[in-house]
């Protein structure tokens, strides 16, 4: 199993998200436009989880996490909801034109 090491790019993003509210707002707004599998992969990396660690927490195989994060995958929303809860996130439908405000 790989070590839970956050990549330098991800570490830099996390640092900016915490320090710069304008950056965080713009980042979250763009992230909300991304497909759900990509949102999951990015949030997992920001939270410092490997696919293996996330799989262990959800009691599934790493390959399943990989499939959830694959663009074009067709999974039940509840699978993404479970993953989002593990990452201290949630799934939301954001109306076009609305702005996200980071907490």
N, C-alpha and C. Protein backbone atom coordinates (compact mmCIF):
# COMPACT_ATOMS: atom_id res chain seq x y z
N UNK A 1 0.84 -1.18 0.00
CA UNK A 1 0.00 0.00 0.00
C UNK A 1 0.90 1.25 0.00
N UNK A 2 0.52 2.24 -0.80
CA UNK A 2 1.29 3.47 -0.89
C UNK A 2 1.15 4.28 0.38
N UNK A 3 2.20 5.08 0.65
CA UNK A 3 2.12 6.00 1.78
C UNK A 3 1.12 7.09 1.46
N UNK A 4 0.54 7.65 2.49
CA UNK A 4 -0.41 8.75 2.34
C UNK A 4 0.38 10.06 2.25
N UNK A 5 0.95 10.30 1.06
CA UNK A 5 1.77 11.49 0.86
C UNK A 5 1.05 12.39 -0.14
N UNK A 6 0.86 13.63 0.23
CA UNK A 6 0.20 14.58 -0.66
C UNK A 6 1.25 15.13 -1.63
N UNK A 7 0.89 15.17 -2.91
CA UNK A 7 1.79 15.66 -3.95
C UNK A 7 2.07 17.15 -3.74
N UNK A 8 3.23 17.63 -4.18
CA UNK A 8 3.56 19.06 -4.01
C UNK A 8 2.51 19.99 -4.62
N UNK A 9 2.00 19.66 -5.79
CA UNK A 9 0.97 20.51 -6.41
C UNK A 9 -0.28 20.57 -5.54
N UNK A 10 -0.71 19.40 -5.06
CA UNK A 10 -1.90 19.35 -4.21
C UNK A 10 -1.68 20.11 -2.90
N UNK A 11 -0.48 20.00 -2.35
CA UNK A 11 -0.15 20.71 -1.11
C UNK A 11 -0.24 22.22 -1.34
N UNK A 12 0.24 22.68 -2.50
CA UNK A 12 0.19 24.09 -2.83
C UNK A 12 -1.26 24.57 -2.98
N UNK A 13 -2.09 23.75 -3.63
CA UNK A 13 -3.51 24.10 -3.80
C UNK A 13 -4.17 24.22 -2.43
N UNK A 14 -3.94 23.25 -1.57
CA UNK A 14 -4.53 23.26 -0.23
C UNK A 14 -4.10 24.51 0.54
N UNK A 15 -2.82 24.86 0.43
CA UNK A 15 -2.31 26.06 1.11
C UNK A 15 -3.05 27.31 0.62
N UNK A 16 -3.22 27.42 -0.70
CA UNK A 16 -3.91 28.58 -1.25
C UNK A 16 -5.40 28.59 -0.87
N UNK A 17 -6.02 27.42 -0.84
CA UNK A 17 -7.44 27.34 -0.45
C UNK A 17 -7.65 27.86 0.97
N UNK A 18 -6.71 27.54 1.85
CA UNK A 18 -6.83 27.97 3.25
C UNK A 18 -6.51 29.44 3.45
N UNK A 19 -5.58 29.97 2.67
CA UNK A 19 -5.09 31.33 2.90
C UNK A 19 -5.81 32.41 2.10
N UNK A 20 -6.37 32.05 0.96
CA UNK A 20 -6.91 33.06 0.05
C UNK A 20 -8.38 32.79 -0.26
N UNK A 21 -9.29 33.51 0.39
CA UNK A 21 -10.73 33.28 0.17
C UNK A 21 -11.16 33.49 -1.29
N UNK A 22 -10.55 34.44 -1.98
CA UNK A 22 -10.91 34.67 -3.38
C UNK A 22 -10.49 33.49 -4.25
N UNK A 23 -9.30 32.98 -4.00
CA UNK A 23 -8.81 31.80 -4.71
C UNK A 23 -9.73 30.62 -4.43
N UNK A 24 -10.09 30.43 -3.16
CA UNK A 24 -10.95 29.32 -2.76
C UNK A 24 -12.30 29.41 -3.46
N UNK A 25 -12.87 30.59 -3.51
CA UNK A 25 -14.17 30.77 -4.16
C UNK A 25 -14.09 30.44 -5.65
N UNK A 26 -13.05 30.94 -6.32
CA UNK A 26 -12.88 30.68 -7.75
C UNK A 26 -12.62 29.19 -7.99
N UNK A 27 -11.80 28.59 -7.14
CA UNK A 27 -11.48 27.17 -7.28
C UNK A 27 -12.74 26.31 -7.12
N UNK A 28 -13.51 26.59 -6.08
CA UNK A 28 -14.72 25.82 -5.84
C UNK A 28 -15.76 26.02 -6.95
N UNK A 29 -15.82 27.23 -7.48
CA UNK A 29 -16.75 27.50 -8.56
C UNK A 29 -16.38 26.69 -9.80
N UNK A 30 -15.10 26.61 -10.12
CA UNK A 30 -14.66 25.82 -11.27
C UNK A 30 -14.82 24.33 -11.00
N UNK A 31 -14.52 23.90 -9.77
CA UNK A 31 -14.66 22.49 -9.41
C UNK A 31 -16.10 22.03 -9.57
N UNK A 32 -17.05 22.89 -9.22
CA UNK A 32 -18.47 22.53 -9.32
C UNK A 32 -18.89 22.30 -10.77
N UNK A 33 -18.16 22.85 -11.72
CA UNK A 33 -18.47 22.67 -13.13
C UNK A 33 -17.92 21.35 -13.68
N UNK A 34 -17.01 20.75 -12.96
CA UNK A 34 -16.36 19.51 -13.42
C UNK A 34 -17.30 18.32 -13.26
N UNK A 35 -17.10 17.29 -14.06
CA UNK A 35 -17.89 16.06 -13.90
C UNK A 35 -17.66 15.45 -12.52
N UNK A 36 -18.67 14.76 -12.01
CA UNK A 36 -18.62 14.18 -10.67
C UNK A 36 -17.39 13.29 -10.43
N UNK A 37 -17.01 12.42 -11.37
CA UNK A 37 -15.81 11.61 -11.12
C UNK A 37 -14.55 12.46 -10.90
N UNK A 38 -14.42 13.53 -11.65
CA UNK A 38 -13.27 14.42 -11.49
C UNK A 38 -13.34 15.16 -10.15
N UNK A 39 -14.53 15.60 -9.76
CA UNK A 39 -14.68 16.26 -8.46
C UNK A 39 -14.23 15.33 -7.34
N UNK A 40 -14.63 14.07 -7.43
CA UNK A 40 -14.27 13.10 -6.40
C UNK A 40 -12.76 12.92 -6.34
N UNK A 41 -12.12 12.77 -7.49
CA UNK A 41 -10.67 12.57 -7.52
C UNK A 41 -9.94 13.77 -6.94
N UNK A 42 -10.37 14.96 -7.30
CA UNK A 42 -9.70 16.17 -6.80
C UNK A 42 -9.90 16.33 -5.30
N UNK A 43 -11.12 16.13 -4.82
CA UNK A 43 -11.36 16.26 -3.38
C UNK A 43 -10.58 15.20 -2.60
N UNK A 44 -10.51 13.99 -3.14
CA UNK A 44 -9.74 12.94 -2.47
C UNK A 44 -8.28 13.36 -2.33
N UNK A 45 -7.72 13.91 -3.39
CA UNK A 45 -6.32 14.32 -3.35
C UNK A 45 -6.12 15.51 -2.40
N UNK A 46 -7.04 16.46 -2.41
CA UNK A 46 -6.93 17.61 -1.51
C UNK A 46 -6.97 17.16 -0.05
N UNK A 47 -7.80 16.17 0.23
CA UNK A 47 -7.91 15.65 1.60
C UNK A 47 -6.75 14.74 1.98
N UNK A 48 -5.85 14.45 1.02
CA UNK A 48 -4.67 13.65 1.31
C UNK A 48 -4.90 12.15 1.34
N UNK A 49 -5.96 11.69 0.68
CA UNK A 49 -6.26 10.26 0.63
C UNK A 49 -5.70 9.65 -0.64
N UNK A 50 -5.13 8.46 -0.52
CA UNK A 50 -4.82 7.66 -1.69
C UNK A 50 -6.09 6.88 -2.05
N UNK A 51 -6.12 6.33 -3.25
CA UNK A 51 -7.27 5.48 -3.60
C UNK A 51 -7.34 4.29 -2.67
N UNK A 52 -6.19 3.76 -2.27
CA UNK A 52 -6.17 2.60 -1.38
C UNK A 52 -6.77 2.92 -0.01
N UNK A 53 -6.39 4.08 0.54
CA UNK A 53 -6.91 4.46 1.85
C UNK A 53 -8.42 4.70 1.80
N UNK A 54 -8.86 5.34 0.72
CA UNK A 54 -10.28 5.59 0.58
C UNK A 54 -11.04 4.27 0.42
N UNK A 55 -10.48 3.37 -0.36
CA UNK A 55 -11.11 2.06 -0.55
C UNK A 55 -11.25 1.32 0.78
N UNK A 56 -10.21 1.37 1.58
CA UNK A 56 -10.26 0.71 2.88
C UNK A 56 -11.35 1.32 3.75
N UNK A 57 -11.48 2.63 3.74
CA UNK A 57 -12.51 3.30 4.53
C UNK A 57 -13.92 3.00 4.08
N UNK A 58 -14.08 2.72 2.79
CA UNK A 58 -15.41 2.42 2.24
C UNK A 58 -15.65 0.91 2.11
N UNK A 59 -14.66 0.12 2.48
CA UNK A 59 -14.75 -1.35 2.42
C UNK A 59 -15.00 -1.84 1.00
N UNK A 60 -14.23 -1.27 0.08
CA UNK A 60 -14.27 -1.70 -1.32
C UNK A 60 -12.83 -1.86 -1.78
N UNK A 61 -12.65 -2.36 -3.00
CA UNK A 61 -11.31 -2.50 -3.56
C UNK A 61 -10.86 -1.19 -4.19
N UNK A 62 -9.55 -1.01 -4.26
CA UNK A 62 -8.97 0.19 -4.86
C UNK A 62 -9.45 0.35 -6.29
N UNK A 63 -9.60 -0.73 -7.02
CA UNK A 63 -10.05 -0.66 -8.41
C UNK A 63 -11.43 -0.02 -8.52
N UNK A 64 -12.26 -0.22 -7.51
CA UNK A 64 -13.59 0.40 -7.53
C UNK A 64 -13.49 1.92 -7.41
N UNK A 65 -12.59 2.39 -6.55
CA UNK A 65 -12.39 3.84 -6.42
C UNK A 65 -11.89 4.39 -7.75
N UNK A 66 -10.98 3.68 -8.38
CA UNK A 66 -10.48 4.09 -9.68
C UNK A 66 -11.62 4.21 -10.70
N UNK A 67 -12.53 3.27 -10.68
CA UNK A 67 -13.68 3.32 -11.60
C UNK A 67 -14.61 4.48 -11.28
N UNK A 68 -14.80 4.78 -9.99
CA UNK A 68 -15.64 5.92 -9.61
C UNK A 68 -15.05 7.22 -10.14
N UNK A 69 -13.73 7.29 -10.19
CA UNK A 69 -13.05 8.51 -10.61
C UNK A 69 -12.84 8.59 -12.13
N UNK A 70 -13.23 7.57 -12.83
CA UNK A 70 -13.03 7.54 -14.29
C UNK A 70 -14.15 8.30 -14.99
N UNK A 71 -13.76 9.24 -15.87
CA UNK A 71 -14.75 9.98 -16.64
C UNK A 71 -15.55 9.00 -17.49
N UNK A 72 -16.84 9.21 -17.55
CA UNK A 72 -17.71 8.33 -18.31
C UNK A 72 -18.21 7.14 -17.51
N UNK A 73 -17.79 7.04 -16.25
CA UNK A 73 -18.27 5.93 -15.42
C UNK A 73 -19.74 6.15 -15.11
N UNK A 74 -20.44 5.07 -14.91
CA UNK A 74 -21.89 5.14 -14.69
C UNK A 74 -22.20 4.39 -13.39
N UNK A 75 -22.15 5.11 -12.29
CA UNK A 75 -22.38 4.51 -10.98
C UNK A 75 -23.57 5.18 -10.32
N UNK A 76 -24.10 4.52 -9.33
CA UNK A 76 -25.20 5.09 -8.57
C UNK A 76 -24.72 6.30 -7.77
N UNK A 77 -25.56 7.29 -7.66
CA UNK A 77 -25.22 8.50 -6.92
C UNK A 77 -24.88 8.16 -5.47
N UNK A 78 -25.54 7.18 -4.90
CA UNK A 78 -25.27 6.86 -3.49
C UNK A 78 -23.82 6.44 -3.27
N UNK A 79 -23.18 5.86 -4.30
CA UNK A 79 -21.77 5.51 -4.16
C UNK A 79 -20.91 6.76 -4.05
N UNK A 80 -21.25 7.78 -4.84
CA UNK A 80 -20.54 9.04 -4.74
C UNK A 80 -20.86 9.74 -3.42
N UNK A 81 -22.08 9.62 -2.94
CA UNK A 81 -22.45 10.23 -1.66
C UNK A 81 -21.64 9.63 -0.52
N UNK A 82 -21.46 8.32 -0.51
CA UNK A 82 -20.66 7.67 0.52
C UNK A 82 -19.23 8.18 0.47
N UNK A 83 -18.69 8.26 -0.73
CA UNK A 83 -17.31 8.75 -0.88
C UNK A 83 -17.21 10.20 -0.43
N UNK A 84 -18.17 11.01 -0.79
CA UNK A 84 -18.15 12.43 -0.39
C UNK A 84 -18.20 12.57 1.12
N UNK A 85 -19.05 11.78 1.78
CA UNK A 85 -19.13 11.85 3.25
C UNK A 85 -17.80 11.48 3.88
N UNK A 86 -17.12 10.46 3.34
CA UNK A 86 -15.83 10.06 3.88
C UNK A 86 -14.82 11.19 3.77
N UNK A 87 -14.95 12.00 2.72
CA UNK A 87 -14.03 13.10 2.48
C UNK A 87 -14.53 14.41 3.10
N UNK A 88 -15.53 14.30 3.97
CA UNK A 88 -16.14 15.46 4.63
C UNK A 88 -16.69 16.45 3.61
N UNK A 89 -17.33 15.91 2.60
CA UNK A 89 -17.94 16.72 1.54
C UNK A 89 -19.37 16.25 1.33
N UNK A 90 -19.99 16.82 0.33
CA UNK A 90 -21.34 16.41 -0.02
C UNK A 90 -21.57 16.66 -1.49
N UNK A 91 -22.57 16.03 -2.01
CA UNK A 91 -22.93 16.19 -3.42
C UNK A 91 -24.00 17.26 -3.48
N UNK A 92 -23.87 18.17 -4.44
CA UNK A 92 -24.85 19.24 -4.58
C UNK A 92 -25.09 19.50 -6.06
N UNK A 93 -26.29 19.92 -6.37
CA UNK A 93 -26.62 20.38 -7.71
C UNK A 93 -26.66 21.89 -7.62
N UNK A 94 -25.79 22.53 -8.37
CA UNK A 94 -25.66 23.98 -8.32
C UNK A 94 -26.34 24.57 -9.56
N UNK A 95 -27.34 25.41 -9.38
CA UNK A 95 -28.00 26.03 -10.53
C UNK A 95 -27.02 26.89 -11.33
N UNK A 96 -27.19 26.89 -12.64
CA UNK A 96 -26.37 27.73 -13.51
C UNK A 96 -26.43 29.18 -13.04
N UNK A 97 -25.31 29.85 -13.08
CA UNK A 97 -25.27 31.25 -12.73
C UNK A 97 -25.13 31.55 -11.24
N UNK A 98 -25.24 30.53 -10.41
CA UNK A 98 -25.13 30.74 -8.97
C UNK A 98 -23.65 30.68 -8.58
N UNK A 99 -23.28 31.44 -7.57
CA UNK A 99 -21.90 31.45 -7.08
C UNK A 99 -21.81 30.66 -5.80
N UNK A 100 -20.71 29.94 -5.65
CA UNK A 100 -20.43 29.21 -4.42
C UNK A 100 -19.69 30.12 -3.47
N UNK A 101 -20.02 30.02 -2.21
CA UNK A 101 -19.33 30.80 -1.19
C UNK A 101 -18.67 29.80 -0.25
N UNK A 102 -17.32 29.78 -0.19
CA UNK A 102 -16.66 28.84 0.70
C UNK A 102 -16.97 29.12 2.16
N UNK A 103 -17.05 28.05 2.93
CA UNK A 103 -17.36 28.19 4.35
C UNK A 103 -16.16 28.67 5.12
